[in-house]
Amino acid sequence: MIDGDPDDLRSHIRDVPDFPQPGVLFRDITPLLADAAALRRAITGLADALRASGGPPDRVAGIEARGFVVAAPLALELGVGFVPVRKPGKLPAETVREDYDLEYGTDALEVHADACAPGERILVVDDVLATGGTAAAATRLLRGVGAEVTGLGVLIELTALGGRSTVGDLPVTALLSY
């Protein structure tokens, strides 16, 4: 999937215990982002894997905030445009909103109402797939504005949290799994 040893990229992921709350082991991608060569390998590796799994989308949708950091360079690598999926109140034009449940409450995502043409093939991208709630909400939101969501691409999948089951039959491409 990637050029070189995946453990090399894994060495750029920092484990932060007890963040954001006690008992959680946070997988921090900021060391990977700080290393240009590792970041390039991650983006090209993810792009290569996505190309092999069904061809490029028409656009890449990135989920705020760390998903932007992955999605924008991935869109450039794939030669397609970028669609921001944002927290409420951040987009300037008319928006469509999707509320979703979290482990301890609710949240929402928004996209411009005209972000996608009907039937446009959109790849949803985030940094990490954990429980899948945010990715599932982004998928519903984009489908609601007429997009055909073709898959989910992430740097890291936390397999024990079962996110794949939350996103249903949406194909998932993960560069690293923990």
N, C-alpha and C. Protein backbone atom coordinates (compact mmCIF):
# COMPACT_ATOMS: atom_id res chain seq x y z
N MET A 1 0.81 -1.19 0.00
CA MET A 1 0.00 0.00 0.00
C MET A 1 0.86 1.26 0.00
N ILE A 2 1.96 1.26 0.72
CA ILE A 2 2.81 2.44 0.77
C ILE A 2 4.20 2.09 0.31
N ASP A 3 4.89 3.12 -0.16
CA ASP A 3 6.27 2.95 -0.59
C ASP A 3 7.14 2.88 0.66
N GLY A 4 7.78 1.76 0.88
CA GLY A 4 8.60 1.60 2.07
C GLY A 4 7.88 0.82 3.14
N ASP A 5 8.46 0.80 4.30
CA ASP A 5 7.99 0.03 5.44
C ASP A 5 6.90 0.79 6.21
N PRO A 6 5.70 0.21 6.37
CA PRO A 6 4.66 0.91 7.12
C PRO A 6 5.09 1.19 8.56
N ASP A 7 5.98 0.38 9.11
CA ASP A 7 6.44 0.65 10.47
C ASP A 7 7.23 1.94 10.54
N ASP A 8 7.83 2.37 9.42
CA ASP A 8 8.49 3.66 9.40
C ASP A 8 7.47 4.77 9.63
N LEU A 9 6.32 4.70 8.96
CA LEU A 9 5.27 5.69 9.20
C LEU A 9 4.71 5.55 10.61
N ARG A 10 4.56 4.32 11.06
CA ARG A 10 4.06 4.07 12.41
C ARG A 10 4.97 4.72 13.45
N SER A 11 6.26 4.80 13.16
CA SER A 11 7.19 5.42 14.10
C SER A 11 6.97 6.93 14.23
N HIS A 12 6.19 7.49 13.31
CA HIS A 12 5.87 8.92 13.36
C HIS A 12 4.53 9.20 14.03
N ILE A 13 3.89 8.18 14.57
CA ILE A 13 2.64 8.35 15.30
C ILE A 13 2.95 8.28 16.79
N ARG A 14 2.58 9.32 17.51
CA ARG A 14 2.89 9.40 18.94
C ARG A 14 1.67 8.93 19.74
N ASP A 15 1.91 8.06 20.71
CA ASP A 15 0.87 7.63 21.63
C ASP A 15 0.81 8.60 22.80
N VAL A 16 -0.38 9.13 23.07
CA VAL A 16 -0.58 10.05 24.19
C VAL A 16 -1.61 9.41 25.13
N PRO A 17 -1.15 8.85 26.25
CA PRO A 17 -2.09 8.22 27.18
C PRO A 17 -2.98 9.24 27.88
N ASP A 18 -4.19 8.81 28.19
CA ASP A 18 -5.14 9.58 28.98
C ASP A 18 -5.52 10.91 28.32
N PHE A 19 -5.60 10.93 27.00
CA PHE A 19 -6.08 12.11 26.29
C PHE A 19 -7.14 11.69 25.29
N PRO A 20 -8.26 12.34 25.24
CA PRO A 20 -8.68 13.55 25.95
C PRO A 20 -9.26 13.30 27.33
N GLN A 21 -9.30 12.02 27.73
CA GLN A 21 -9.80 11.69 29.07
C GLN A 21 -9.07 10.45 29.57
N PRO A 22 -9.10 10.21 30.87
CA PRO A 22 -8.41 9.03 31.43
C PRO A 22 -8.87 7.74 30.76
N GLY A 23 -7.90 6.88 30.48
CA GLY A 23 -8.19 5.58 29.89
C GLY A 23 -8.13 5.55 28.36
N VAL A 24 -8.04 6.72 27.73
CA VAL A 24 -7.98 6.78 26.26
C VAL A 24 -6.52 6.90 25.84
N LEU A 25 -6.13 6.11 24.83
CA LEU A 25 -4.81 6.22 24.23
C LEU A 25 -4.98 6.92 22.89
N PHE A 26 -4.56 8.18 22.83
CA PHE A 26 -4.72 9.02 21.64
C PHE A 26 -3.56 8.76 20.68
N ARG A 27 -3.87 8.53 19.41
CA ARG A 27 -2.86 8.35 18.37
C ARG A 27 -2.66 9.71 17.69
N ASP A 28 -1.55 10.35 18.00
CA ASP A 28 -1.26 11.72 17.56
C ASP A 28 -0.47 11.71 16.26
N ILE A 29 -1.03 12.34 15.21
CA ILE A 29 -0.37 12.38 13.91
C ILE A 29 0.55 13.59 13.73
N THR A 30 0.63 14.47 14.72
CA THR A 30 1.44 15.68 14.50
C THR A 30 2.91 15.40 14.23
N PRO A 31 3.55 14.37 14.82
CA PRO A 31 4.93 14.09 14.41
C PRO A 31 5.03 13.69 12.93
N LEU A 32 4.05 12.97 12.41
CA LEU A 32 4.03 12.61 11.00
C LEU A 32 3.89 13.87 10.15
N LEU A 33 3.01 14.78 10.56
CA LEU A 33 2.81 16.02 9.82
C LEU A 33 4.07 16.89 9.81
N ALA A 34 4.86 16.79 10.87
CA ALA A 34 6.07 17.61 11.00
C ALA A 34 7.23 17.12 10.14
N ASP A 35 7.14 15.90 9.64
CA ASP A 35 8.22 15.32 8.84
C ASP A 35 7.77 15.27 7.38
N ALA A 36 8.34 16.14 6.54
CA ALA A 36 7.89 16.26 5.16
C ALA A 36 7.97 14.94 4.39
N ALA A 37 9.04 14.19 4.59
CA ALA A 37 9.18 12.92 3.86
C ALA A 37 8.14 11.91 4.30
N ALA A 38 7.89 11.83 5.59
CA ALA A 38 6.87 10.90 6.09
C ALA A 38 5.47 11.31 5.63
N LEU A 39 5.20 12.61 5.68
CA LEU A 39 3.90 13.09 5.22
C LEU A 39 3.70 12.78 3.74
N ARG A 40 4.72 13.01 2.94
CA ARG A 40 4.63 12.69 1.51
C ARG A 40 4.36 11.20 1.30
N ARG A 41 5.08 10.33 2.03
CA ARG A 41 4.86 8.89 1.90
C ARG A 41 3.44 8.51 2.32
N ALA A 42 2.94 9.14 3.36
CA ALA A 42 1.58 8.85 3.82
C ALA A 42 0.55 9.26 2.76
N ILE A 43 0.68 10.45 2.22
CA ILE A 43 -0.29 10.93 1.23
C ILE A 43 -0.20 10.12 -0.06
N THR A 44 1.01 9.88 -0.56
CA THR A 44 1.12 9.10 -1.79
C THR A 44 0.71 7.65 -1.57
N GLY A 45 1.00 7.11 -0.40
CA GLY A 45 0.57 5.74 -0.09
C GLY A 45 -0.94 5.62 -0.06
N LEU A 46 -1.59 6.59 0.57
CA LEU A 46 -3.06 6.58 0.62
C LEU A 46 -3.63 6.77 -0.79
N ALA A 47 -3.06 7.68 -1.56
CA ALA A 47 -3.53 7.91 -2.93
C ALA A 47 -3.37 6.65 -3.78
N ASP A 48 -2.23 5.99 -3.68
CA ASP A 48 -2.00 4.77 -4.45
C ASP A 48 -3.01 3.68 -4.08
N ALA A 49 -3.27 3.53 -2.80
CA ALA A 49 -4.24 2.53 -2.34
C ALA A 49 -5.64 2.86 -2.85
N LEU A 50 -6.00 4.13 -2.84
CA LEU A 50 -7.32 4.53 -3.31
C LEU A 50 -7.45 4.35 -4.82
N ARG A 51 -6.40 4.66 -5.55
CA ARG A 51 -6.43 4.45 -7.01
C ARG A 51 -6.62 2.97 -7.33
N ALA A 52 -5.97 2.11 -6.57
CA ALA A 52 -6.05 0.67 -6.81
C ALA A 52 -7.42 0.11 -6.45
N SER A 53 -8.16 0.83 -5.61
CA SER A 53 -9.45 0.30 -5.13
C SER A 53 -10.65 0.84 -5.88
N GLY A 54 -10.45 1.42 -7.04
CA GLY A 54 -11.62 1.83 -7.79
C GLY A 54 -11.50 3.15 -8.52
N GLY A 55 -10.35 3.70 -8.65
CA GLY A 55 -10.20 4.93 -9.41
C GLY A 55 -10.45 6.16 -8.58
N PRO A 56 -10.03 7.30 -9.10
CA PRO A 56 -10.15 8.54 -8.33
C PRO A 56 -11.58 9.04 -8.26
N PRO A 57 -11.91 9.73 -7.19
CA PRO A 57 -13.22 10.36 -7.08
C PRO A 57 -13.22 11.66 -7.89
N ASP A 58 -14.37 12.32 -7.95
CA ASP A 58 -14.45 13.64 -8.56
C ASP A 58 -13.89 14.70 -7.62
N ARG A 59 -14.10 14.48 -6.31
CA ARG A 59 -13.59 15.39 -5.28
C ARG A 59 -13.32 14.61 -4.00
N VAL A 60 -12.54 15.24 -3.13
CA VAL A 60 -12.25 14.69 -1.81
C VAL A 60 -12.88 15.62 -0.78
N ALA A 61 -13.65 15.06 0.14
CA ALA A 61 -14.26 15.84 1.23
C ALA A 61 -13.48 15.56 2.51
N GLY A 62 -12.98 16.61 3.14
CA GLY A 62 -12.23 16.48 4.37
C GLY A 62 -13.05 16.93 5.55
N ILE A 63 -12.98 16.16 6.64
CA ILE A 63 -13.73 16.46 7.86
C ILE A 63 -12.86 17.31 8.78
N GLU A 64 -13.43 18.44 9.23
CA GLU A 64 -12.71 19.35 10.13
C GLU A 64 -12.29 18.64 11.39
N ALA A 65 -11.17 18.86 11.92
CA ALA A 65 -10.11 19.73 11.45
C ALA A 65 -8.94 18.91 10.92
N ARG A 66 -8.54 17.86 11.60
CA ARG A 66 -7.37 17.11 11.14
C ARG A 66 -7.62 16.43 9.80
N GLY A 67 -8.85 16.14 9.48
CA GLY A 67 -9.15 15.58 8.16
C GLY A 67 -8.78 16.51 7.03
N PHE A 68 -8.83 17.84 7.28
CA PHE A 68 -8.41 18.80 6.26
C PHE A 68 -6.94 18.60 5.90
N VAL A 69 -6.13 18.34 6.93
CA VAL A 69 -4.68 18.22 6.75
C VAL A 69 -4.33 17.02 5.87
N VAL A 70 -5.17 16.01 5.89
CA VAL A 70 -4.97 14.83 5.05
C VAL A 70 -5.67 15.01 3.70
N ALA A 71 -6.89 15.51 3.73
CA ALA A 71 -7.71 15.56 2.52
C ALA A 71 -7.21 16.54 1.47
N ALA A 72 -6.75 17.71 1.88
CA ALA A 72 -6.32 18.70 0.89
C ALA A 72 -5.11 18.22 0.08
N PRO A 73 -4.02 17.74 0.71
CA PRO A 73 -2.92 17.24 -0.12
C PRO A 73 -3.30 15.96 -0.88
N LEU A 74 -4.20 15.16 -0.33
CA LEU A 74 -4.65 13.96 -1.04
C LEU A 74 -5.41 14.36 -2.30
N ALA A 75 -6.26 15.38 -2.20
CA ALA A 75 -6.98 15.87 -3.38
C ALA A 75 -6.00 16.33 -4.45
N LEU A 76 -4.97 17.07 -4.05
CA LEU A 76 -3.95 17.50 -5.01
C LEU A 76 -3.25 16.30 -5.65
N GLU A 77 -2.89 15.32 -4.85
CA GLU A 77 -2.22 14.11 -5.36
C GLU A 77 -3.10 13.36 -6.35
N LEU A 78 -4.41 13.35 -6.09
CA LEU A 78 -5.36 12.66 -6.97
C LEU A 78 -5.79 13.53 -8.16
N GLY A 79 -5.44 14.82 -8.12
CA GLY A 79 -5.81 15.72 -9.21
C GLY A 79 -7.27 16.12 -9.21
N VAL A 80 -7.86 16.21 -8.02
CA VAL A 80 -9.28 16.56 -7.90
C VAL A 80 -9.44 17.71 -6.88
N GLY A 81 -10.66 18.24 -6.79
CA GLY A 81 -10.94 19.33 -5.87
C GLY A 81 -11.22 18.85 -4.46
N PHE A 82 -11.37 19.81 -3.56
CA PHE A 82 -11.55 19.58 -2.12
C PHE A 82 -12.86 20.19 -1.65
N VAL A 83 -13.59 19.46 -0.81
CA VAL A 83 -14.83 19.94 -0.20
C VAL A 83 -14.65 19.94 1.31
N PRO A 84 -14.77 21.11 1.97
CA PRO A 84 -14.66 21.13 3.43
C PRO A 84 -15.98 20.73 4.10
N VAL A 85 -15.88 19.80 5.04
CA VAL A 85 -17.01 19.42 5.90
C VAL A 85 -16.67 20.00 7.27
N ARG A 86 -17.48 20.98 7.71
CA ARG A 86 -17.08 21.80 8.86
C ARG A 86 -18.04 21.67 10.03
N LYS A 87 -17.55 22.14 11.16
CA LYS A 87 -18.39 22.30 12.34
C LYS A 87 -19.36 23.44 12.06
N PRO A 88 -20.51 23.50 12.74
CA PRO A 88 -21.53 24.52 12.45
C PRO A 88 -21.01 25.96 12.59
N GLY A 89 -21.53 26.80 11.69
CA GLY A 89 -21.26 28.22 11.75
C GLY A 89 -19.96 28.66 11.12
N LYS A 90 -19.24 27.78 10.43
CA LYS A 90 -17.93 28.12 9.88
C LYS A 90 -17.95 28.40 8.38
N LEU A 91 -19.00 28.01 7.68
CA LEU A 91 -19.07 28.19 6.23
C LEU A 91 -19.90 29.43 5.90
N PRO A 92 -19.49 30.23 4.91
CA PRO A 92 -20.12 31.52 4.67
C PRO A 92 -21.41 31.49 3.86
N ALA A 93 -21.62 30.50 3.02
CA ALA A 93 -22.81 30.46 2.16
C ALA A 93 -23.86 29.54 2.78
N GLU A 94 -24.95 29.32 2.05
CA GLU A 94 -26.03 28.46 2.54
C GLU A 94 -25.49 27.06 2.82
N THR A 95 -25.85 26.49 3.97
CA THR A 95 -25.34 25.18 4.37
C THR A 95 -26.46 24.19 4.60
N VAL A 96 -26.06 22.92 4.62
CA VAL A 96 -26.90 21.81 5.02
C VAL A 96 -26.22 21.21 6.24
N ARG A 97 -27.01 20.78 7.22
CA ARG A 97 -26.48 20.33 8.52
C ARG A 97 -26.88 18.88 8.78
N GLU A 98 -25.98 18.16 9.44
CA GLU A 98 -26.25 16.79 9.90
C GLU A 98 -25.85 16.70 11.36
N ASP A 99 -26.84 16.43 12.22
CA ASP A 99 -26.57 16.21 13.64
C ASP A 99 -26.26 14.73 13.85
N TYR A 100 -25.40 14.44 14.82
CA TYR A 100 -25.07 13.05 15.10
C TYR A 100 -24.72 12.89 16.58
N ASP A 101 -24.82 11.65 17.04
CA ASP A 101 -24.55 11.34 18.43
C ASP A 101 -23.09 11.01 18.66
N LEU A 102 -22.60 11.47 19.79
CA LEU A 102 -21.27 11.12 20.28
C LEU A 102 -21.43 10.23 21.50
N GLU A 103 -20.33 9.72 21.99
CA GLU A 103 -20.39 8.88 23.18
C GLU A 103 -20.99 9.63 24.37
N TYR A 104 -20.68 10.93 24.45
CA TYR A 104 -21.16 11.74 25.58
C TYR A 104 -21.86 12.99 25.12
N GLY A 105 -22.79 12.88 24.17
CA GLY A 105 -23.53 14.05 23.73
C GLY A 105 -23.80 14.00 22.24
N THR A 106 -23.92 15.19 21.64
CA THR A 106 -24.19 15.29 20.21
C THR A 106 -23.25 16.33 19.60
N ASP A 107 -23.16 16.28 18.28
CA ASP A 107 -22.38 17.25 17.53
C ASP A 107 -23.07 17.42 16.18
N ALA A 108 -22.50 18.25 15.33
CA ALA A 108 -23.07 18.47 14.01
C ALA A 108 -21.97 18.81 13.02
N LEU A 109 -22.25 18.54 11.76
CA LEU A 109 -21.38 18.91 10.65
C LEU A 109 -22.20 19.67 9.63
N GLU A 110 -21.53 20.53 8.87
CA GLU A 110 -22.19 21.27 7.81
C GLU A 110 -21.35 21.25 6.55
N VAL A 111 -22.03 21.41 5.42
CA VAL A 111 -21.38 21.54 4.12
C VAL A 111 -22.20 22.57 3.35
N HIS A 112 -21.55 23.26 2.42
CA HIS A 112 -22.31 24.18 1.57
C HIS A 112 -23.38 23.39 0.81
N ALA A 113 -24.55 23.99 0.68
CA ALA A 113 -25.66 23.33 -0.01
C ALA A 113 -25.30 22.99 -1.45
N ASP A 114 -24.40 23.77 -2.05
CA ASP A 114 -23.99 23.53 -3.44
C ASP A 114 -22.60 22.91 -3.54
N ALA A 115 -22.16 22.23 -2.49
CA ALA A 115 -20.80 21.66 -2.44
C ALA A 115 -20.56 20.59 -3.49
N CYS A 116 -21.60 19.87 -3.87
CA CYS A 116 -21.45 18.74 -4.79
C CYS A 116 -22.57 18.78 -5.83
N ALA A 117 -22.21 18.43 -7.04
CA ALA A 117 -23.23 18.27 -8.08
C ALA A 117 -23.91 16.92 -7.88
N PRO A 118 -25.18 16.81 -8.25
CA PRO A 118 -25.85 15.51 -8.12
C PRO A 118 -25.07 14.40 -8.82
N GLY A 119 -24.84 13.31 -8.10
CA GLY A 119 -24.13 12.16 -8.64
C GLY A 119 -22.62 12.28 -8.62
N GLU A 120 -22.09 13.42 -8.17
CA GLU A 120 -20.64 13.58 -8.11
C GLU A 120 -20.04 12.57 -7.14
N ARG A 121 -18.95 11.93 -7.56
CA ARG A 121 -18.29 10.89 -6.76
C ARG A 121 -17.36 11.55 -5.74
N ILE A 122 -17.67 11.35 -4.46
CA ILE A 122 -16.94 12.00 -3.37
C ILE A 122 -16.31 10.95 -2.47
N LEU A 123 -15.02 11.17 -2.16
CA LEU A 123 -14.31 10.36 -1.18
C LEU A 123 -14.26 11.15 0.11
N VAL A 124 -14.73 10.57 1.21
CA VAL A 124 -14.66 11.20 2.52
C VAL A 124 -13.32 10.85 3.15
N VAL A 125 -12.64 11.86 3.72
CA VAL A 125 -11.32 11.65 4.30
C VAL A 125 -11.25 12.25 5.70
N ASP A 126 -10.64 11.50 6.61
CA ASP A 126 -10.37 11.99 7.96
C ASP A 126 -9.01 11.44 8.38
N ASP A 127 -8.51 11.90 9.50
CA ASP A 127 -7.22 11.40 9.96
C ASP A 127 -7.34 10.02 10.57
N VAL A 128 -8.39 9.80 11.37
CA VAL A 128 -8.55 8.55 12.11
C VAL A 128 -10.00 8.06 12.00
N LEU A 129 -10.16 6.76 11.82
CA LEU A 129 -11.46 6.11 11.95
C LEU A 129 -11.47 5.43 13.31
N ALA A 130 -12.32 5.92 14.21
CA ALA A 130 -12.44 5.34 15.54
C ALA A 130 -13.80 4.65 15.62
N THR A 131 -14.79 5.28 16.22
CA THR A 131 -16.12 4.67 16.32
C THR A 131 -16.92 4.82 15.04
N GLY A 132 -16.51 5.75 14.17
CA GLY A 132 -17.17 5.92 12.87
C GLY A 132 -18.32 6.90 12.84
N GLY A 133 -18.68 7.46 13.98
CA GLY A 133 -19.83 8.37 14.02
C GLY A 133 -19.67 9.61 13.16
N THR A 134 -18.50 10.21 13.21
CA THR A 134 -18.27 11.42 12.42
C THR A 134 -18.25 11.09 10.92
N ALA A 135 -17.59 10.02 10.55
CA ALA A 135 -17.53 9.62 9.14
C ALA A 135 -18.92 9.27 8.62
N ALA A 136 -19.72 8.58 9.42
CA ALA A 136 -21.08 8.24 9.01
C ALA A 136 -21.92 9.50 8.83
N ALA A 137 -21.77 10.47 9.73
CA ALA A 137 -22.51 11.73 9.62
C ALA A 137 -22.09 12.49 8.37
N ALA A 138 -20.79 12.55 8.09
CA ALA A 138 -20.31 13.23 6.88
C ALA A 138 -20.85 12.54 5.63
N THR A 139 -20.91 11.23 5.64
CA THR A 139 -21.45 10.48 4.51
C THR A 139 -22.92 10.81 4.29
N ARG A 140 -23.71 10.79 5.36
CA ARG A 140 -25.14 11.14 5.24
C ARG A 140 -25.30 12.57 4.73
N LEU A 141 -24.49 13.47 5.24
CA LEU A 141 -24.56 14.87 4.85
C LEU A 141 -24.28 15.04 3.35
N LEU A 142 -23.22 14.43 2.87
CA LEU A 142 -22.86 14.55 1.46
C LEU A 142 -23.88 13.87 0.55
N ARG A 143 -24.39 12.74 0.98
CA ARG A 143 -25.44 12.08 0.20
C ARG A 143 -26.69 12.96 0.16
N GLY A 144 -26.93 13.67 1.25
CA GLY A 144 -28.08 14.57 1.33
C GLY A 144 -28.03 15.72 0.34
N VAL A 145 -26.84 16.12 -0.08
CA VAL A 145 -26.72 17.17 -1.10
C VAL A 145 -26.52 16.58 -2.49
N GLY A 146 -26.72 15.27 -2.63
CA GLY A 146 -26.73 14.63 -3.93
C GLY A 146 -25.48 13.88 -4.35
N ALA A 147 -24.46 13.85 -3.49
CA ALA A 147 -23.21 13.19 -3.86
C ALA A 147 -23.34 11.67 -3.79
N GLU A 148 -22.52 10.99 -4.58
CA GLU A 148 -22.34 9.56 -4.46
C GLU A 148 -21.05 9.36 -3.67
N VAL A 149 -21.15 8.95 -2.42
CA VAL A 149 -19.96 8.76 -1.59
C VAL A 149 -19.37 7.41 -1.95
N THR A 150 -18.11 7.44 -2.41
CA THR A 150 -17.48 6.23 -2.94
C THR A 150 -16.63 5.48 -1.93
N GLY A 151 -16.27 6.13 -0.83
CA GLY A 151 -15.44 5.47 0.15
C GLY A 151 -14.98 6.42 1.23
N LEU A 152 -14.24 5.85 2.17
CA LEU A 152 -13.66 6.58 3.28
C LEU A 152 -12.17 6.28 3.29
N GLY A 153 -11.35 7.33 3.32
CA GLY A 153 -9.91 7.17 3.42
C GLY A 153 -9.41 7.79 4.71
N VAL A 154 -8.56 7.06 5.44
CA VAL A 154 -8.02 7.55 6.70
C VAL A 154 -6.54 7.17 6.82
N LEU A 155 -5.81 7.95 7.60
CA LEU A 155 -4.44 7.57 7.90
C LEU A 155 -4.42 6.37 8.84
N ILE A 156 -5.28 6.42 9.87
CA ILE A 156 -5.25 5.41 10.93
C ILE A 156 -6.66 4.88 11.19
N GLU A 157 -6.76 3.56 11.32
CA GLU A 157 -8.00 2.93 11.77
C GLU A 157 -7.74 2.28 13.12
N LEU A 158 -8.57 2.61 14.09
CA LEU A 158 -8.52 1.99 15.41
C LEU A 158 -9.52 0.84 15.39
N THR A 159 -9.07 -0.34 15.01
CA THR A 159 -9.96 -1.46 14.70
C THR A 159 -10.82 -1.91 15.87
N ALA A 160 -10.30 -1.82 17.09
CA ALA A 160 -11.05 -2.29 18.26
C ALA A 160 -12.32 -1.47 18.51
N LEU A 161 -12.40 -0.27 17.94
CA LEU A 161 -13.56 0.59 18.18
C LEU A 161 -14.69 0.36 17.19
N GLY A 162 -14.47 -0.48 16.18
CA GLY A 162 -15.56 -0.92 15.30
C GLY A 162 -16.12 0.12 14.35
N GLY A 163 -15.35 1.08 13.94
CA GLY A 163 -15.85 2.12 13.06
C GLY A 163 -16.35 1.64 11.72
N ARG A 164 -15.76 0.57 11.20
CA ARG A 164 -16.22 0.04 9.91
C ARG A 164 -17.69 -0.36 9.96
N SER A 165 -18.12 -0.92 11.07
CA SER A 165 -19.53 -1.33 11.15
C SER A 165 -20.46 -0.12 11.17
N THR A 166 -19.98 1.00 11.68
CA THR A 166 -20.81 2.21 11.74
C THR A 166 -20.99 2.84 10.36
N VAL A 167 -20.00 2.71 9.48
CA VAL A 167 -20.11 3.31 8.15
C VAL A 167 -20.76 2.36 7.14
N GLY A 168 -21.25 1.22 7.61
CA GLY A 168 -22.00 0.30 6.76
C GLY A 168 -21.14 -0.31 5.68
N ASP A 169 -21.66 -0.29 4.44
CA ASP A 169 -20.94 -0.94 3.34
C ASP A 169 -19.97 0.01 2.63
N LEU A 170 -19.73 1.17 3.19
CA LEU A 170 -18.80 2.12 2.60
C LEU A 170 -17.39 1.54 2.63
N PRO A 171 -16.73 1.42 1.47
CA PRO A 171 -15.35 0.91 1.47
C PRO A 171 -14.43 1.81 2.28
N VAL A 172 -13.58 1.21 3.10
CA VAL A 172 -12.64 1.95 3.95
C VAL A 172 -11.22 1.61 3.53
N THR A 173 -10.41 2.65 3.30
CA THR A 173 -9.00 2.49 3.03
C THR A 173 -8.23 3.15 4.17
N ALA A 174 -7.48 2.36 4.91
CA ALA A 174 -6.70 2.85 6.04
C ALA A 174 -5.22 2.58 5.78
N LEU A 175 -4.40 3.59 5.98
CA LEU A 175 -2.97 3.43 5.76
C LEU A 175 -2.34 2.59 6.87
N LEU A 176 -2.74 2.83 8.12
CA LEU A 176 -2.24 2.10 9.28
C LEU A 176 -3.41 1.65 10.13
N SER A 177 -3.26 0.51 10.77
CA SER A 177 -4.29 0.00 11.68
C SER A 177 -3.65 -0.28 13.04
N TYR A 178 -4.41 0.03 14.08
CA TYR A 178 -4.00 -0.25 15.45
C TYR A 178 -5.12 -1.03 16.12
